[in-house]
Amino acid sequence: MRPATLAEAYELMIAGEPREAILSEFLDSFYLAPTPEQRLVCLRDEPRMTGDTRLDALAGAVAEYLAKQYRLPSVPAWTFEPCRYLDRAWHASPFADDGMREYLTFASPAEFRSRNIFTEERPLRRARSGLTRP
């Protein structure tokens, strides 16, 4: 069953479900929500802490990024808790070379970069996002 909220997605990850698959399924739920209010419901509840500082910070970045990209009425307050930020840089890439790290450092959206998470320019891209670029 596809998680309807980010908090549900994190419960499934904590239970051992594959992170990438669960996050993708949550994104499908978010993108298919028909109204901004329903999208905000997908982000409103704070995901439980996992004990993995990267995964915990990622939850804050994902929720803030989606709320801003989709111009939702608000960004959930839990996203700004100190536990949702990393002390050390995390370059989320399977490639560990200097060129890739440099690219990710400059390409990362602010919501990720502010948390010391460095990723591609559109990290939550899915075929059904519905978000258009000028």
Protein backbone atom coordinates (compact mmCIF):
# COMPACT_ATOMS: atom_id res chain seq x y z
CA MET A 1 0.00 0.00 0.00
CA ARG A 2 1.34 3.41 -1.01
CA PRO A 3 2.07 5.71 1.97
CA ALA A 4 -0.26 8.73 1.98
CA THR A 5 1.98 10.87 4.19
CA LEU A 6 5.67 11.41 4.70
CA ALA A 7 5.25 10.20 8.29
CA GLU A 8 3.73 6.93 7.01
CA ALA A 9 6.61 6.57 4.54
CA TYR A 10 9.11 6.89 7.38
CA GLU A 11 7.25 4.29 9.45
CA LEU A 12 7.60 1.87 6.54
CA MET A 13 11.31 2.69 6.18
CA ILE A 14 11.84 2.14 9.91
CA ALA A 15 10.09 -1.23 9.50
CA GLY A 16 12.68 -2.19 6.90
CA GLU A 17 11.01 -1.37 3.60
CA PRO A 18 13.40 -0.15 0.86
CA ARG A 19 13.94 3.59 1.29
CA GLU A 20 14.06 4.59 -2.37
CA ALA A 21 10.90 2.66 -3.25
CA ILE A 22 8.95 3.99 -0.27
CA LEU A 23 10.01 7.59 -0.90
CA SER A 24 8.99 7.24 -4.57
CA GLU A 25 5.61 5.86 -3.56
CA PHE A 26 5.08 8.72 -1.13
CA LEU A 27 5.97 11.23 -3.85
CA ASP A 28 3.35 9.66 -6.11
CA SER A 29 0.75 10.14 -3.35
CA PHE A 30 1.83 13.75 -2.86
CA TYR A 31 1.84 14.60 -6.57
CA LEU A 32 -1.56 12.99 -7.13
CA ALA A 33 -3.22 14.93 -4.29
CA PRO A 34 -5.73 17.22 -6.04
CA THR A 35 -5.48 20.35 -3.86
CA PRO A 36 -2.78 22.30 -2.01
CA GLU A 37 -4.56 21.58 1.27
CA GLN A 38 -4.46 17.83 0.64
CA ARG A 39 -0.78 18.08 -0.29
CA LEU A 40 -0.12 19.89 2.98
CA VAL A 41 -1.84 17.02 4.83
CA CYS A 42 0.75 14.70 3.26
CA LEU A 43 3.51 16.70 5.01
CA ARG A 44 1.86 17.94 8.20
CA ASP A 45 2.70 15.10 10.62
CA GLU A 46 6.32 14.87 11.71
CA PRO A 47 8.04 11.65 10.70
CA ARG A 48 9.43 9.65 13.59
CA MET A 49 13.19 9.89 14.07
CA THR A 50 15.04 6.93 12.57
CA GLY A 51 18.40 7.21 14.30
CA ASP A 52 20.02 7.79 10.91
CA THR A 53 20.93 11.49 10.93
CA ARG A 54 20.97 11.67 7.13
CA LEU A 55 17.53 10.16 6.78
CA ASP A 56 16.16 12.37 9.57
CA ALA A 57 17.54 15.52 7.93
CA LEU A 58 16.25 14.35 4.55
CA ALA A 59 12.68 14.32 5.88
CA GLY A 60 12.95 18.03 6.72
CA ALA A 61 14.45 18.85 3.34
CA VAL A 62 11.81 16.88 1.42
CA ALA A 63 8.89 18.46 3.27
CA GLU A 64 10.22 22.02 3.04
CA TYR A 65 11.14 21.62 -0.63
CA LEU A 66 7.74 20.21 -1.61
CA ALA A 67 5.85 22.85 0.39
CA LYS A 68 7.76 25.64 -1.33
CA GLN A 69 7.76 24.15 -4.83
CA TYR A 70 4.01 23.68 -4.72
CA ARG A 71 3.36 26.98 -2.94
CA LEU A 72 1.48 25.29 -0.14
CA PRO A 73 -0.18 27.47 2.51
CA SER A 74 2.67 26.78 4.95
CA VAL A 75 5.79 24.77 5.62
CA PRO A 76 5.35 22.37 8.55
CA ALA A 77 7.13 23.77 11.62
CA TRP A 78 8.76 20.41 12.41
CA THR A 79 10.98 20.77 9.33
CA PHE A 80 13.00 23.50 11.08
CA GLU A 81 13.86 21.49 14.20
CA PRO A 82 17.65 21.22 14.77
CA CYS A 83 17.48 17.42 14.41
CA ARG A 84 16.47 17.95 10.76
CA TYR A 85 19.91 19.41 9.89
CA LEU A 86 23.29 17.73 9.41
CA ASP A 87 26.56 18.85 10.98
CA ARG A 88 28.58 17.36 8.11
CA ALA A 89 28.09 17.57 4.38
CA TRP A 90 26.36 14.67 2.65
CA HIS A 91 26.84 14.52 -1.11
CA ALA A 92 24.04 12.16 -2.10
CA SER A 93 25.62 10.51 -5.10
CA PRO A 94 27.03 7.10 -5.94
CA PHE A 95 30.04 8.92 -7.46
CA ALA A 96 32.70 10.05 -5.01
CA ASP A 97 34.80 12.27 -7.24
CA ASP A 98 35.58 15.97 -6.76
CA GLY A 99 33.74 17.04 -9.91
CA MET A 100 30.49 15.41 -8.82
CA ARG A 101 30.77 16.88 -5.32
CA GLU A 102 31.32 20.34 -6.81
CA TYR A 103 28.32 19.97 -9.14
CA LEU A 104 26.04 18.81 -6.30
CA THR A 105 27.23 21.63 -4.04
CA PHE A 106 26.11 24.24 -6.55
CA ALA A 107 23.06 22.46 -8.00
CA SER A 108 21.32 21.56 -4.74
CA PRO A 109 18.08 23.39 -3.92
CA ALA A 110 18.32 25.71 -0.90
CA GLU A 111 16.05 23.49 1.21
CA PHE A 112 18.61 20.68 0.91
CA ARG A 113 21.77 22.80 0.89
CA SER A 114 20.78 24.57 4.14
CA ARG A 115 20.74 21.14 5.80
CA ASN A 116 24.17 20.17 4.42
CA ILE A 117 22.54 17.77 1.94
CA PHE A 118 23.90 18.13 -1.56
CA THR A 119 21.93 16.59 -4.39
CA GLU A 120 20.87 17.24 -7.95
CA GLU A 121 18.91 20.31 -9.07
CA ARG A 122 15.50 18.58 -9.01
CA PRO A 123 15.97 15.78 -6.47
CA LEU A 124 12.32 14.70 -6.17
CA ARG A 125 11.54 14.57 -9.87
CA ARG A 126 8.91 12.02 -10.87
CA ALA A 127 7.00 11.55 -14.11
CA ARG A 128 3.72 12.60 -12.50
CA SER A 129 4.89 15.63 -10.51
CA GLY A 130 2.75 18.00 -12.57
CA LEU A 131 5.18 20.81 -11.83
CA THR A 132 6.03 22.81 -14.92
CA ARG A 133 9.17 24.85 -15.41
CA PRO A 134 9.22 28.14 -17.32
